[in-house]
Amino acid sequence: MSTLLKVDKMTHYFGGLRAVHNYNLDIAPRQITGLIGPNGAGKTTIFNLITGVYTPTEGEISLEGKNIKGLETNEIAAKGLGRTFQNLALWRHMSVLDHIKMAHYSQLSYGLFGSFFNTRACRRQEAQVEENAFRLLELFDIKQHADQLVTNLPYGAQRRVEMARAMATKPKILFLDEPTAGMTPDELVRMIKIIQQVHQDFKVAIFLIEHRMKFVMDLCQHIQTLVFGEVIAEGPPEEIQNNPEVIEAYLGKEDLT
């Protein structure tokens, strides 16, 4: 099986504090991988290291065999890595539709001249952007909110806007940081169905951080468990669910089902 994203022996220090130690990751095309662990384990730090928010102290990161360590976040996104955030990163005074359209603009080629003179290429590409945006709005069940300010939406809908925006960049791999945070049980079930549809329609790999075990077990093909910046176990959901070390570290002897 080919590797889409590879992280090799990644270690990171904040001052004298070691936050991540000897972290390894291999994600194949279309694979759904979960990263679980208690609060403070370093999960979001790993996302930030891979996506260019921080540069790892040690180790290598490659996407489709090409080094991305040390690149800026926008450069990494342009190479095919899309991301959502644990704390919503949306623009307060922009409509839902404009959020999704804005994410397309790095893909446009008509330039300043085309924009200024409203050339045929400009009109054609802008029409394509709007068509693609509405397709994503429909997929994420937020089409009815297209003209609303994103801050006026319920929290679960705002989460879906952020995911739609990430998908507008046409990623090869999508990073989801706590995609069901703050959601009701009904919204959780809805989100599982949406992610499954995204995975099927766009053939995208997914790497997610999540605390809700139903979500992880229903979606993921491979799971890593992180404690104090180190992976203590990884494997398919059934194996992780029944691993005594994982149960004790993550839930204090509670059942993972």
C-alpha atoms as a PDB file:
ATOM      1  CA  MET A   1       0.000   0.000   0.000  1.00  0.00           C
ATOM      2  CA  SER A   2       1.387   3.396  -0.969  1.00  0.00           C
ATOM      3  CA  THR A   3       1.907   6.157   1.591  1.00  0.00           C
ATOM      4  CA  LEU A   4       0.265   9.553   1.226  1.00  0.00           C
ATOM      5  CA  LEU A   5       1.514  11.193   4.431  1.00  0.00           C
ATOM      6  CA  LYS A   6       4.566  10.010   6.329  1.00  0.00           C
ATOM      7  CA  VAL A   7       5.921  11.313   9.631  1.00  0.00           C
ATOM      8  CA  ASP A   8       9.219   9.818  10.776  1.00  0.00           C
ATOM      9  CA  LYS A   9      10.622  10.096  14.326  1.00  0.00           C
ATOM     10  CA  MET A  10       9.095  13.513  14.995  1.00  0.00           C
ATOM     11  CA  THR A  11      10.081  15.094  18.312  1.00  0.00           C
ATOM     12  CA  HIS A  12       9.333  18.599  19.529  1.00  0.00           C
ATOM     13  CA  TYR A  13      10.335  20.734  22.502  1.00  0.00           C
ATOM     14  CA  PHE A  14       8.756  23.911  23.831  1.00  0.00           C
ATOM     15  CA  GLY A  15      11.719  25.395  25.659  1.00  0.00           C
ATOM     16  CA  GLY A  16      12.881  22.595  27.949  1.00  0.00           C
ATOM     17  CA  LEU A  17       9.542  20.745  27.818  1.00  0.00           C
ATOM     18  CA  ARG A  18       9.312  17.767  25.482  1.00  0.00           C
ATOM     19  CA  ALA A  19       5.793  17.834  24.032  1.00  0.00           C
ATOM     20  CA  VAL A  20       6.111  15.084  21.392  1.00  0.00           C
ATOM     21  CA  HIS A  21       8.590  12.207  21.339  1.00  0.00           C
ATOM     22  CA  ASN A  22       9.566   9.929  18.454  1.00  0.00           C
ATOM     23  CA  TYR A  23       6.199  10.155  16.716  1.00  0.00           C
ATOM     24  CA  ASN A  24       5.626   8.112  13.540  1.00  0.00           C
ATOM     25  CA  LEU A  25       2.679   8.090  11.181  1.00  0.00           C
ATOM     26  CA  ASP A  26       1.847   6.493   7.831  1.00  0.00           C
ATOM     27  CA  ILE A  27      -1.447   7.335   6.137  1.00  0.00           C
ATOM     28  CA  ALA A  28      -2.376   5.688   2.847  1.00  0.00           C
ATOM     29  CA  PRO A  29      -4.606   7.324   0.223  1.00  0.00           C
ATOM     30  CA  ARG A  30      -8.284   7.232   1.335  1.00  0.00           C
ATOM     31  CA  GLN A  31      -7.388   5.886   4.785  1.00  0.00           C
ATOM     32  CA  ILE A  32      -9.254   7.230   7.854  1.00  0.00           C
ATOM     33  CA  THR A  33      -6.967   7.438  10.884  1.00  0.00           C
ATOM     34  CA  GLY A  34      -7.892   8.525  14.388  1.00  0.00           C
ATOM     35  CA  LEU A  35      -5.681  10.038  17.096  1.00  0.00           C
ATOM     36  CA  ILE A  36      -7.029   9.652  20.635  1.00  0.00           C
ATOM     37  CA  GLY A  37      -5.686  10.326  24.098  1.00  0.00           C
ATOM     38  CA  PRO A  38      -6.383  12.254  27.312  1.00  0.00           C
ATOM     39  CA  ASN A  39      -6.396  16.050  27.459  1.00  0.00           C
ATOM     40  CA  GLY A  40      -2.879  17.446  27.256  1.00  0.00           C
ATOM     41  CA  ALA A  41      -1.471  14.366  25.533  1.00  0.00           C
ATOM     42  CA  GLY A  42      -0.170  16.439  22.601  1.00  0.00           C
ATOM     43  CA  LYS A  43      -2.739  15.612  19.915  1.00  0.00           C
ATOM     44  CA  THR A  44      -3.310  19.151  18.637  1.00  0.00           C
ATOM     45  CA  THR A  45       0.427  19.820  18.881  1.00  0.00           C
ATOM     46  CA  ILE A  46       0.969  16.961  16.425  1.00  0.00           C
ATOM     47  CA  PHE A  47      -1.581  18.505  14.055  1.00  0.00           C
ATOM     48  CA  ASN A  48       0.173  21.868  14.383  1.00  0.00           C
ATOM     49  CA  LEU A  49       3.587  20.334  13.682  1.00  0.00           C
ATOM     50  CA  ILE A  50       2.435  18.517  10.554  1.00  0.00           C
ATOM     51  CA  THR A  51       0.432  21.468   9.169  1.00  0.00           C
ATOM     52  CA  GLY A  52       3.234  24.002   9.629  1.00  0.00           C
ATOM     53  CA  VAL A  53       2.024  25.998  12.639  1.00  0.00           C
ATOM     54  CA  TYR A  54       5.220  24.815  14.364  1.00  0.00           C
ATOM     55  CA  THR A  55       8.402  23.329  12.899  1.00  0.00           C
ATOM     56  CA  PRO A  56       9.435  20.063  14.586  1.00  0.00           C
ATOM     57  CA  THR A  57      12.653  20.063  16.586  1.00  0.00           C
ATOM     58  CA  GLU A  58      13.549  16.681  15.076  1.00  0.00           C
ATOM     59  CA  GLY A  59      12.135  14.286  12.496  1.00  0.00           C
ATOM     60  CA  GLU A  60      10.838  14.351   8.930  1.00  0.00           C
ATOM     61  CA  ILE A  61       7.417  14.948   7.348  1.00  0.00           C
ATOM     62  CA  SER A  62       6.558  14.155   3.738  1.00  0.00           C
ATOM     63  CA  LEU A  63       3.416  14.380   1.624  1.00  0.00           C
ATOM     64  CA  GLU A  64       3.368  12.193  -1.487  1.00  0.00           C
ATOM     65  CA  GLY A  65       7.072  11.594  -0.953  1.00  0.00           C
ATOM     66  CA  LYS A  66       7.985  15.300  -0.876  1.00  0.00           C
ATOM     67  CA  ASN A  67       9.304  17.055   2.206  1.00  0.00           C
ATOM     68  CA  ILE A  68       6.898  19.554   3.813  1.00  0.00           C
ATOM     69  CA  LYS A  69       8.740  20.124   7.087  1.00  0.00           C
ATOM     70  CA  GLY A  70       9.475  23.810   7.568  1.00  0.00           C
ATOM     71  CA  LEU A  71       7.046  25.033   4.899  1.00  0.00           C
ATOM     72  CA  GLU A  72       4.516  27.764   5.672  1.00  0.00           C
ATOM     73  CA  THR A  73       0.966  26.694   6.475  1.00  0.00           C
ATOM     74  CA  ASN A  74      -0.382  28.103   3.186  1.00  0.00           C
ATOM     75  CA  GLU A  75       2.283  26.220   1.211  1.00  0.00           C
ATOM     76  CA  ILE A  76       1.367  22.955   2.941  1.00  0.00           C
ATOM     77  CA  ALA A  77      -2.340  23.591   2.287  1.00  0.00           C
ATOM     78  CA  ALA A  78      -1.592  24.231  -1.401  1.00  0.00           C
ATOM     79  CA  LYS A  79       0.135  20.840  -1.597  1.00  0.00           C
ATOM     80  CA  GLY A  80      -3.061  19.097  -0.500  1.00  0.00           C
ATOM     81  CA  LEU A  81      -3.430  19.186   3.276  1.00  0.00           C
ATOM     82  CA  GLY A  82      -6.709  20.719   4.492  1.00  0.00           C
ATOM     83  CA  ARG A  83      -7.552  21.349   8.124  1.00  0.00           C
ATOM     84  CA  THR A  84     -10.207  22.343  10.649  1.00  0.00           C
ATOM     85  CA  PHE A  85      -9.465  23.601  14.150  1.00  0.00           C
ATOM     86  CA  GLN A  86     -10.489  22.645  17.684  1.00  0.00           C
ATOM     87  CA  ASN A  87     -11.574  26.255  18.241  1.00  0.00           C
ATOM     88  CA  LEU A  88     -13.554  27.494  15.256  1.00  0.00           C
ATOM     89  CA  ALA A  89     -11.510  29.714  12.928  1.00  0.00           C
ATOM     90  CA  LEU A  90     -14.269  31.470  10.997  1.00  0.00           C
ATOM     91  CA  TRP A  91     -14.599  35.101   9.855  1.00  0.00           C
ATOM     92  CA  ARG A  92     -17.280  36.801  11.912  1.00  0.00           C
ATOM     93  CA  HIS A  93     -18.592  39.244   9.314  1.00  0.00           C
ATOM     94  CA  MET A  94     -18.635  36.973   6.254  1.00  0.00           C
ATOM     95  CA  SER A  95     -21.540  34.936   4.922  1.00  0.00           C
ATOM     96  CA  VAL A  96     -21.491  31.155   4.758  1.00  0.00           C
ATOM     97  CA  LEU A  97     -21.286  31.188   0.943  1.00  0.00           C
ATOM     98  CA  ASP A  98     -18.436  33.707   0.940  1.00  0.00           C
ATOM     99  CA  HIS A  99     -16.464  31.492   3.351  1.00  0.00           C
ATOM    100  CA  ILE A 100     -16.586  28.643   0.865  1.00  0.00           C
ATOM    101  CA  LYS A 101     -15.929  30.814  -2.197  1.00  0.00           C
ATOM    102  CA  MET A 102     -12.931  32.468  -0.530  1.00  0.00           C
ATOM    103  CA  ALA A 103     -11.303  29.073  -0.008  1.00  0.00           C
ATOM    104  CA  HIS A 104     -11.338  28.475  -3.791  1.00  0.00           C
ATOM    105  CA  TYR A 105      -9.410  31.583  -4.767  1.00  0.00           C
ATOM    106  CA  SER A 106      -5.921  30.096  -4.518  1.00  0.00           C
ATOM    107  CA  GLN A 107      -6.977  27.828  -7.407  1.00  0.00           C
ATOM    108  CA  LEU A 108      -7.961  30.636  -9.784  1.00  0.00           C
ATOM    109  CA  SER A 109      -5.710  31.619 -12.687  1.00  0.00           C
ATOM    110  CA  TYR A 110      -7.314  34.687 -14.326  1.00  0.00           C
ATOM    111  CA  GLY A 111      -5.113  37.142 -12.366  1.00  0.00           C
ATOM    112  CA  LEU A 112      -5.425  40.859 -11.716  1.00  0.00           C
ATOM    113  CA  PHE A 113      -6.013  41.737 -15.379  1.00  0.00           C
ATOM    114  CA  GLY A 114      -8.866  39.268 -15.677  1.00  0.00           C
ATOM    115  CA  SER A 115     -10.413  40.517 -12.451  1.00  0.00           C
ATOM    116  CA  PHE A 116     -10.156  44.190 -13.404  1.00  0.00           C
ATOM    117  CA  PHE A 117     -11.582  43.764 -16.922  1.00  0.00           C
ATOM    118  CA  ASN A 118     -13.991  40.937 -16.023  1.00  0.00           C
ATOM    119  CA  THR A 119     -12.666  38.732 -18.841  1.00  0.00           C
ATOM    120  CA  ARG A 120     -14.341  35.611 -20.157  1.00  0.00           C
ATOM    121  CA  ALA A 121     -11.880  33.463 -18.184  1.00  0.00           C
ATOM    122  CA  CYS A 122     -12.735  35.418 -15.041  1.00  0.00           C
ATOM    123  CA  ARG A 123     -16.483  34.947 -15.513  1.00  0.00           C
ATOM    124  CA  ARG A 124     -16.083  31.259 -16.323  1.00  0.00           C
ATOM    125  CA  GLN A 125     -13.919  30.524 -13.286  1.00  0.00           C
ATOM    126  CA  GLU A 126     -16.094  32.586 -10.932  1.00  0.00           C
ATOM    127  CA  ALA A 127     -19.157  30.667 -12.114  1.00  0.00           C
ATOM    128  CA  GLN A 128     -17.325  27.396 -11.472  1.00  0.00           C
ATOM    129  CA  VAL A 129     -16.369  28.565  -7.982  1.00  0.00           C
ATOM    130  CA  GLU A 130     -19.998  29.354  -7.159  1.00  0.00           C
ATOM    131  CA  GLU A 131     -21.156  26.010  -8.524  1.00  0.00           C
ATOM    132  CA  ASN A 132     -18.543  24.141  -6.476  1.00  0.00           C
ATOM    133  CA  ALA A 133     -19.387  26.181  -3.378  1.00  0.00           C
ATOM    134  CA  PHE A 134     -23.085  25.333  -3.581  1.00  0.00           C
ATOM    135  CA  ARG A 135     -22.245  21.675  -4.092  1.00  0.00           C
ATOM    136  CA  LEU A 136     -20.290  21.722  -0.815  1.00  0.00           C
ATOM    137  CA  LEU A 137     -23.020  23.661   0.977  1.00  0.00           C
ATOM    138  CA  GLU A 138     -25.509  20.987  -0.072  1.00  0.00           C
ATOM    139  CA  LEU A 139     -23.221  18.122   0.940  1.00  0.00           C
ATOM    140  CA  PHE A 140     -22.675  19.592   4.403  1.00  0.00           C
ATOM    141  CA  ASP A 141     -26.381  20.444   4.758  1.00  0.00           C
ATOM    142  CA  ILE A 142     -25.833  24.202   5.104  1.00  0.00           C
ATOM    143  CA  LYS A 143     -27.180  25.398   1.732  1.00  0.00           C
ATOM    144  CA  GLN A 144     -30.166  26.963   3.483  1.00  0.00           C
ATOM    145  CA  HIS A 145     -27.734  29.194   5.416  1.00  0.00           C
ATOM    146  CA  ALA A 146     -25.790  30.400   2.342  1.00  0.00           C
ATOM    147  CA  ASP A 147     -26.528  34.108   2.754  1.00  0.00           C
ATOM    148  CA  GLN A 148     -26.394  34.219   6.552  1.00  0.00           C
ATOM    149  CA  LEU A 149     -23.475  35.469   8.617  1.00  0.00           C
ATOM    150  CA  VAL A 150     -21.666  32.437   9.960  1.00  0.00           C
ATOM    151  CA  THR A 151     -21.880  33.743  13.539  1.00  0.00           C
ATOM    152  CA  ASN A 152     -25.688  33.550  13.367  1.00  0.00           C
ATOM    153  CA  LEU A 153     -25.626  29.773  12.830  1.00  0.00           C
ATOM    154  CA  PRO A 154     -25.953  27.063  15.501  1.00  0.00           C
ATOM    155  CA  TYR A 155     -22.623  25.666  16.673  1.00  0.00           C
ATOM    156  CA  GLY A 156     -22.995  22.366  14.812  1.00  0.00           C
ATOM    157  CA  ALA A 157     -23.700  24.203  11.554  1.00  0.00           C
ATOM    158  CA  GLN A 158     -20.623  26.396  12.078  1.00  0.00           C
ATOM    159  CA  ARG A 159     -18.554  23.216  12.395  1.00  0.00           C
ATOM    160  CA  ARG A 160     -19.902  22.044   9.048  1.00  0.00           C
ATOM    161  CA  VAL A 161     -19.068  25.408   7.448  1.00  0.00           C
ATOM    162  CA  GLU A 162     -15.464  25.025   8.574  1.00  0.00           C
ATOM    163  CA  MET A 163     -15.297  21.516   7.113  1.00  0.00           C
ATOM    164  CA  ALA A 164     -16.843  22.664   3.825  1.00  0.00           C
ATOM    165  CA  ARG A 165     -14.286  25.464   3.638  1.00  0.00           C
ATOM    166  CA  ALA A 166     -11.452  22.979   4.170  1.00  0.00           C
ATOM    167  CA  MET A 167     -12.825  20.732   1.412  1.00  0.00           C
ATOM    168  CA  ALA A 168     -13.016  23.706  -0.964  1.00  0.00           C
ATOM    169  CA  THR A 169      -9.208  23.690  -1.077  1.00  0.00           C
ATOM    170  CA  LYS A 170      -9.426  20.204  -2.683  1.00  0.00           C
ATOM    171  CA  PRO A 171      -7.226  18.440  -0.136  1.00  0.00           C
ATOM    172  CA  LYS A 172      -5.704  15.018  -0.593  1.00  0.00           C
ATOM    173  CA  ILE A 173      -5.869  14.567   3.175  1.00  0.00           C
ATOM    174  CA  LEU A 174      -8.232  16.307   5.591  1.00  0.00           C
ATOM    175  CA  PHE A 175      -7.239  16.973   9.225  1.00  0.00           C
ATOM    176  CA  LEU A 176     -10.215  17.249  11.605  1.00  0.00           C
ATOM    177  CA  ASP A 177      -9.491  18.527  15.116  1.00  0.00           C
ATOM    178  CA  GLU A 178     -12.390  17.573  17.430  1.00  0.00           C
ATOM    179  CA  PRO A 179     -15.055  17.777  14.681  1.00  0.00           C
ATOM    180  CA  THR A 180     -17.911  16.883  17.079  1.00  0.00           C
ATOM    181  CA  ALA A 181     -16.936  19.159  19.983  1.00  0.00           C
ATOM    182  CA  GLY A 182     -20.031  20.714  21.518  1.00  0.00           C
ATOM    183  CA  MET A 183     -22.449  18.678  19.400  1.00  0.00           C
ATOM    184  CA  THR A 184     -25.605  16.917  20.579  1.00  0.00           C
ATOM    185  CA  PRO A 185     -25.995  13.134  20.055  1.00  0.00           C
ATOM    186  CA  ASP A 186     -28.199  13.788  17.003  1.00  0.00           C
ATOM    187  CA  GLU A 187     -25.590  16.156  15.533  1.00  0.00           C
ATOM    188  CA  LEU A 188     -22.937  13.498  16.189  1.00  0.00           C
ATOM    189  CA  VAL A 189     -24.813  10.914  14.116  1.00  0.00           C
ATOM    190  CA  ARG A 190     -25.328  13.508  11.385  1.00  0.00           C
ATOM    191  CA  MET A 191     -21.613  14.353  11.332  1.00  0.00           C
ATOM    192  CA  ILE A 192     -20.634  10.687  11.007  1.00  0.00           C
ATOM    193  CA  LYS A 193     -22.853  10.378   7.923  1.00  0.00           C
ATOM    194  CA  ILE A 194     -21.457  13.592   6.405  1.00  0.00           C
ATOM    195  CA  ILE A 195     -17.830  12.520   6.861  1.00  0.00           C
ATOM    196  CA  GLN A 196     -18.585   9.109   5.390  1.00  0.00           C
ATOM    197  CA  GLN A 197     -20.154  10.845   2.381  1.00  0.00           C
ATOM    198  CA  VAL A 198     -17.178  13.195   1.995  1.00  0.00           C
ATOM    199  CA  HIS A 199     -14.822  10.228   2.152  1.00  0.00           C
ATOM    200  CA  GLN A 200     -16.800   8.373  -0.490  1.00  0.00           C
ATOM    201  CA  ASP A 201     -17.416  11.287  -2.881  1.00  0.00           C
ATOM    202  CA  PHE A 202     -13.994  12.955  -2.743  1.00  0.00           C
ATOM    203  CA  LYS A 203     -11.826   9.873  -2.105  1.00  0.00           C
ATOM    204  CA  VAL A 204      -9.905  11.882   0.479  1.00  0.00           C
ATOM    205  CA  ALA A 205      -7.787  10.529   3.336  1.00  0.00           C
ATOM    206  CA  ILE A 206      -8.831  11.741   6.802  1.00  0.00           C
ATOM    207  CA  PHE A 207      -6.815  12.189   9.994  1.00  0.00           C
ATOM    208  CA  LEU A 208      -8.900  13.139  13.007  1.00  0.00           C
ATOM    209  CA  ILE A 209      -8.640  13.928  16.706  1.00  0.00           C
ATOM    210  CA  GLU A 210     -11.731  13.015  18.676  1.00  0.00           C
ATOM    211  CA  HIS A 211     -12.799  12.213  22.234  1.00  0.00           C
ATOM    212  CA  ARG A 212     -16.090  10.514  21.453  1.00  0.00           C
ATOM    213  CA  MET A 213     -15.361   6.829  21.056  1.00  0.00           C
ATOM    214  CA  LYS A 214     -18.491   6.032  19.040  1.00  0.00           C
ATOM    215  CA  PHE A 215     -17.347   8.522  16.438  1.00  0.00           C
ATOM    216  CA  VAL A 216     -13.811   7.100  16.302  1.00  0.00           C
ATOM    217  CA  MET A 217     -14.855   3.451  16.287  1.00  0.00           C
ATOM    218  CA  ASP A 218     -17.536   3.959  13.626  1.00  0.00           C
ATOM    219  CA  LEU A 219     -15.300   5.910  11.252  1.00  0.00           C
ATOM    220  CA  CYS A 220     -11.648   4.993  11.610  1.00  0.00           C
ATOM    221  CA  GLN A 221      -9.742   2.163   9.991  1.00  0.00           C
ATOM    222  CA  HIS A 222      -6.629   2.755  12.103  1.00  0.00           C
ATOM    223  CA  ILE A 223      -6.257   4.420  15.520  1.00  0.00           C
ATOM    224  CA  GLN A 224      -3.286   5.759  17.472  1.00  0.00           C
ATOM    225  CA  THR A 225      -3.398   6.387  21.234  1.00  0.00           C
ATOM    226  CA  LEU A 226      -1.203   9.204  22.517  1.00  0.00           C
ATOM    227  CA  VAL A 227      -0.135   9.738  26.140  1.00  0.00           C
ATOM    228  CA  PHE A 228       2.346  12.444  27.176  1.00  0.00           C
ATOM    229  CA  GLY A 229       3.402  12.971  23.565  1.00  0.00           C
ATOM    230  CA  GLU A 230       4.130   9.295  22.843  1.00  0.00           C
ATOM    231  CA  VAL A 231       2.100   6.638  21.047  1.00  0.00           C
ATOM    232  CA  ILE A 232       1.377   3.798  23.474  1.00  0.00           C
ATOM    233  CA  ALA A 233      -0.729   1.716  21.084  1.00  0.00           C
ATOM    234  CA  GLU A 234      -1.998   1.694  17.516  1.00  0.00           C
ATOM    235  CA  GLY A 235      -4.024  -0.609  15.329  1.00  0.00           C
ATOM    236  CA  PRO A 236      -7.558  -1.280  14.078  1.00  0.00           C
ATOM    237  CA  PRO A 237     -10.511  -0.131  16.216  1.00  0.00           C
ATOM    238  CA  GLU A 238     -11.261  -3.583  17.667  1.00  0.00           C
ATOM    239  CA  GLU A 239      -7.686  -3.950  18.886  1.00  0.00           C
ATOM    240  CA  ILE A 240      -7.551  -0.483  20.451  1.00  0.00           C
ATOM    241  CA  GLN A 241     -10.976  -0.874  22.047  1.00  0.00           C
ATOM    242  CA  ASN A 242      -9.830  -3.987  23.915  1.00  0.00           C
ATOM    243  CA  ASN A 243      -6.296  -2.859  24.796  1.00  0.00           C
ATOM    244  CA  PRO A 244      -6.033  -2.727  28.642  1.00  0.00           C
ATOM    245  CA  GLU A 245      -3.243  -0.118  28.511  1.00  0.00           C
ATOM    246  CA  VAL A 246      -5.336   2.143  26.306  1.00  0.00           C
ATOM    247  CA  ILE A 247      -8.429   1.749  28.504  1.00  0.00           C
ATOM    248  CA  GLU A 248      -6.490   2.611  31.646  1.00  0.00           C
ATOM    249  CA  ALA A 249      -4.598   5.548  30.128  1.00  0.00           C
ATOM    250  CA  TYR A 250      -7.531   7.063  28.296  1.00  0.00           C
ATOM    251  CA  LEU A 251     -10.573   6.353  30.423  1.00  0.00           C
ATOM    252  CA  GLY A 252      -9.238   5.162  33.786  1.00  0.00           C
ATOM    253  CA  LYS A 253     -10.461   1.585  33.524  1.00  0.00           C
ATOM    254  CA  GLU A 254     -13.749   2.545  31.823  1.00  0.00           C
ATOM    255  CA  ASP A 255     -15.090   0.692  28.792  1.00  0.00           C
ATOM    256  CA  LEU A 256     -14.243   2.188  25.381  1.00  0.00           C
ATOM    257  CA  THR A 257     -17.463   0.998  23.730  1.00  0.00           C
END
